[in-house]
Protein backbone atom coordinates (compact mmCIF):
# COMPACT_ATOMS: atom_id res chain seq x y z
CA MET A 1 175.63 -58.00 161.55
CA PRO A 2 178.37 -57.46 158.78
CA THR A 3 177.66 -54.73 156.27
CA GLU A 4 179.26 -53.71 153.07
CA GLY A 5 182.03 -51.53 153.15
CA PRO A 6 185.65 -51.39 152.05
CA HIS A 7 185.87 -55.10 152.88
CA GLU A 8 182.92 -57.50 152.37
CA GLY A 9 182.29 -58.84 156.02
CA VAL A 10 183.67 -55.99 158.21
CA PRO A 11 181.20 -55.83 161.17
CA GLU A 12 179.38 -52.89 161.79
CA GLY A 13 180.09 -52.66 165.40
CA LEU A 14 183.66 -53.93 166.29
CA PRO A 15 183.53 -54.02 170.14
CA GLU A 16 185.76 -51.47 171.69
CA ALA A 17 188.74 -53.26 173.09
CA GLU A 18 189.00 -51.75 176.87
CA ARG A 19 185.10 -52.22 176.94
CA ALA A 20 185.72 -55.92 175.95
CA LEU A 21 188.36 -56.43 178.19
CA ALA A 22 186.18 -54.80 181.48
CA ALA A 23 183.48 -57.37 180.45
CA LEU A 24 186.06 -60.23 180.41
CA ALA A 25 187.48 -59.55 183.75
CA ASP A 26 183.83 -58.97 185.16
CA LYS A 27 183.01 -62.61 183.68
CA MET A 28 186.20 -64.10 185.28
CA ARG A 29 185.83 -62.25 188.82
CA GLY A 30 184.65 -64.64 191.31
CA ALA A 31 184.73 -67.43 188.79
CA VAL A 32 188.53 -68.31 188.27
CA ALA A 33 190.10 -70.44 191.20
CA VAL A 34 192.03 -68.04 193.61
CA ASP A 35 195.45 -70.09 192.74
CA ALA A 36 194.83 -70.14 188.89
CA LYS A 37 198.24 -69.05 186.80
CA LEU A 38 197.47 -66.93 183.74
CA ILE A 39 199.30 -67.89 180.79
CA GLY A 40 198.97 -65.65 177.56
CA ILE A 41 199.57 -66.59 174.06
CA TYR A 42 202.03 -64.38 172.38
CA SER A 43 201.31 -61.47 171.55
CA GLY A 44 197.95 -60.22 172.23
CA GLY A 45 197.10 -62.92 174.64
CA ALA A 46 200.40 -62.02 176.57
CA TRP A 47 199.58 -58.49 176.71
CA LEU A 48 195.90 -59.44 178.15
CA ALA A 49 197.26 -61.84 180.80
CA GLU A 50 199.12 -58.91 182.23
CA ARG A 51 196.25 -56.66 182.29
CA LEU A 52 193.84 -59.39 183.65
CA ALA A 53 196.04 -60.23 186.47
CA ALA A 54 196.01 -56.57 187.64
CA LEU A 55 192.32 -56.75 187.33
CA LEU A 56 191.43 -59.86 189.04
CA PRO A 57 191.27 -59.97 192.69
CA GLY A 58 194.17 -62.52 194.32
CA GLU A 59 197.60 -63.03 192.96
CA HIS A 60 197.53 -64.69 189.69
CA PRO A 61 201.04 -65.70 188.42
CA VAL A 62 201.75 -64.80 184.93
CA GLY A 63 203.14 -66.87 182.13
CA PHE A 64 203.55 -66.65 178.17
CA ILE A 65 203.92 -69.10 175.72
CA ASP A 66 204.65 -68.98 171.94
CA VAL A 67 203.01 -71.68 169.96
CA SER A 68 204.93 -71.16 166.68
CA PHE A 69 206.57 -74.33 166.55
CA TYR A 70 203.38 -76.04 167.72
CA ARG A 71 200.98 -74.98 165.01
CA ASP A 72 199.71 -77.49 162.50
CA ASP A 73 199.50 -74.97 159.74
CA TYR A 74 203.44 -74.27 160.12
CA GLY A 75 204.31 -75.45 156.96
CA ARG A 76 201.85 -73.56 155.21
CA LYS A 77 202.14 -70.19 156.61
CA GLY A 78 205.79 -70.36 158.12
CA LEU A 79 207.04 -68.55 161.00
CA ARG A 80 206.07 -65.25 162.43
CA ALA A 81 208.59 -62.72 161.94
CA LYS A 82 209.47 -62.50 165.62
CA VAL A 83 209.40 -65.77 167.57
CA GLU A 84 209.25 -65.41 171.69
CA THR A 85 210.39 -67.41 174.34
CA THR A 86 207.95 -69.29 176.35
CA THR A 87 207.99 -68.37 179.91
CA LEU A 88 206.29 -70.14 182.69
CA PRO A 89 207.85 -68.95 185.80
CA PHE A 90 205.42 -71.63 187.89
CA GLU A 91 204.80 -75.42 187.95
CA VAL A 92 202.17 -76.71 185.65
CA GLU A 93 201.84 -79.91 186.78
CA GLY A 94 198.56 -79.95 188.77
CA SER A 95 197.84 -76.24 188.49
CA ARG A 96 194.81 -74.72 187.51
CA ILE A 97 195.39 -72.66 184.13
CA VAL A 98 193.62 -69.86 182.32
CA LEU A 99 195.01 -69.77 178.94
CA ILE A 100 194.36 -66.38 177.31
CA ASP A 101 194.31 -65.23 173.75
CA ASP A 102 193.03 -62.17 172.08
CA VAL A 103 191.03 -63.47 169.42
CA LEU A 104 189.48 -66.87 169.01
CA TYR A 105 188.78 -67.96 165.42
CA THR A 106 189.74 -71.42 164.15
CA GLY A 107 190.91 -72.84 167.33
CA ARG A 108 194.43 -73.69 166.04
CA SER A 109 196.35 -71.26 168.33
CA VAL A 110 194.27 -72.67 171.30
CA ARG A 111 195.30 -76.34 170.13
CA ALA A 112 199.06 -75.59 169.75
CA ALA A 113 199.26 -73.76 172.99
CA ILE A 114 197.43 -76.77 174.79
CA ASN A 115 200.00 -79.18 173.11
CA GLU A 116 202.90 -77.05 174.11
CA LEU A 117 201.78 -76.83 177.69
CA PHE A 118 201.64 -80.34 178.12
CA ASP A 119 205.29 -80.46 177.28
CA TYR A 120 205.71 -78.49 180.88
CA GLY A 121 203.31 -80.90 182.75
CA ARG A 122 199.84 -82.07 183.21
CA PRO A 123 197.79 -79.41 184.63
CA GLU A 124 194.62 -80.05 186.74
CA ARG A 125 192.47 -77.94 184.58
CA ILE A 126 192.63 -75.64 181.86
CA GLU A 127 190.12 -72.86 180.93
CA LEU A 128 190.15 -70.36 178.07
CA ALA A 129 189.53 -66.59 178.39
CA VAL A 130 189.43 -64.62 175.06
CA LEU A 131 188.97 -60.92 174.35
CA VAL A 132 187.07 -61.46 171.12
CA ASP A 133 185.42 -64.73 169.76
CA ARG A 134 184.91 -64.30 166.11
CA GLY A 135 183.28 -68.05 165.35
CA GLY A 136 184.57 -69.67 162.37
CA ARG A 137 185.88 -72.86 164.34
CA GLU A 138 187.67 -75.76 162.62
CA LEU A 139 188.52 -77.47 165.90
CA PRO A 140 186.18 -78.27 168.64
CA ILE A 141 187.45 -75.57 170.89
CA GLU A 142 185.12 -72.96 172.82
CA ALA A 143 186.12 -70.26 175.52
CA THR A 144 185.21 -70.26 178.96
CA TYR A 145 185.30 -66.78 179.34
CA VAL A 146 184.59 -64.30 176.50
CA GLY A 147 184.85 -60.45 176.35
CA ALA A 148 182.99 -59.87 173.17
CA ARG A 149 181.51 -61.73 170.07
CA VAL A 150 181.73 -60.60 166.22
CA ALA A 151 181.24 -62.09 163.15
CA VAL A 152 183.82 -61.36 160.41
CA GLY A 153 184.43 -62.78 157.20
CA ARG A 154 187.03 -65.23 156.46
CA GLU A 155 189.00 -62.80 153.95
CA LEU A 156 189.53 -60.44 157.35
CA SER A 157 191.38 -60.81 160.48
CA VAL A 158 190.48 -59.24 163.69
CA VAL A 159 193.90 -57.53 165.43
CA LEU A 160 194.57 -56.48 168.67
CA ASN A 161 196.95 -53.56 168.71
CA ARG A 162 198.48 -51.82 172.02
CA ALA A 163 198.79 -48.04 172.14
CA GLY A 164 200.51 -47.30 175.30
CA ASP A 165 198.60 -48.88 178.14
CA ARG A 166 195.28 -49.29 176.13
CA PHE A 167 194.26 -51.63 173.53
CA GLU A 168 192.52 -51.20 170.48
CA LEU A 169 190.76 -53.57 167.86
CA SER A 170 191.07 -53.42 164.07
CA VAL A 171 190.00 -55.42 161.03
CA GLU A 172 192.57 -55.97 158.40
CA PRO A 173 192.67 -58.23 155.13
CA THR A 174 193.87 -61.76 155.84
CA THR A 175 197.23 -62.45 154.16
CA SER A 176 198.91 -65.80 153.53
CA ALA A 177 202.17 -64.23 154.45
CA PRO A 178 203.55 -64.67 158.44
CA ARG A 179 202.56 -61.93 160.48
CA ALA A 180 204.91 -59.88 162.36
């Protein structure tokens, strides 16, 4: 439940990122197809895809997707400071895909990723795995696998940070400027 603090809407118990990752991997173990390909949405989803590939049984090839040019709010938000290259070292056509993102909020990044993914072929199936679902959807998109759920006010962003080989979650004020 959100509490009053330095920022209204800051959650009382922001999940510990490593614990949320372990919970996400537990939910995916045995449920994800053995031949599924993992695709991380830059940047946090890309980090998660690499970690999940090591945590899940079997061999799951990993790819990365940058949705910068596919977002429907591109004109309003502009480009991020660093645009990455989409890298899919496998065939998308007919594949079982698990799309991975760090934080699910409005659903716009996921929609953009699916649009871009179809430029590479038509997957047999797409599932969505997210470390944190913060609610607040603007599009009818739901994750198949969720590590943790948290309620955060619209004026705040939940951010995944990488410190060496560990993840940390933080809450920061939302800005209208593009993020780095």
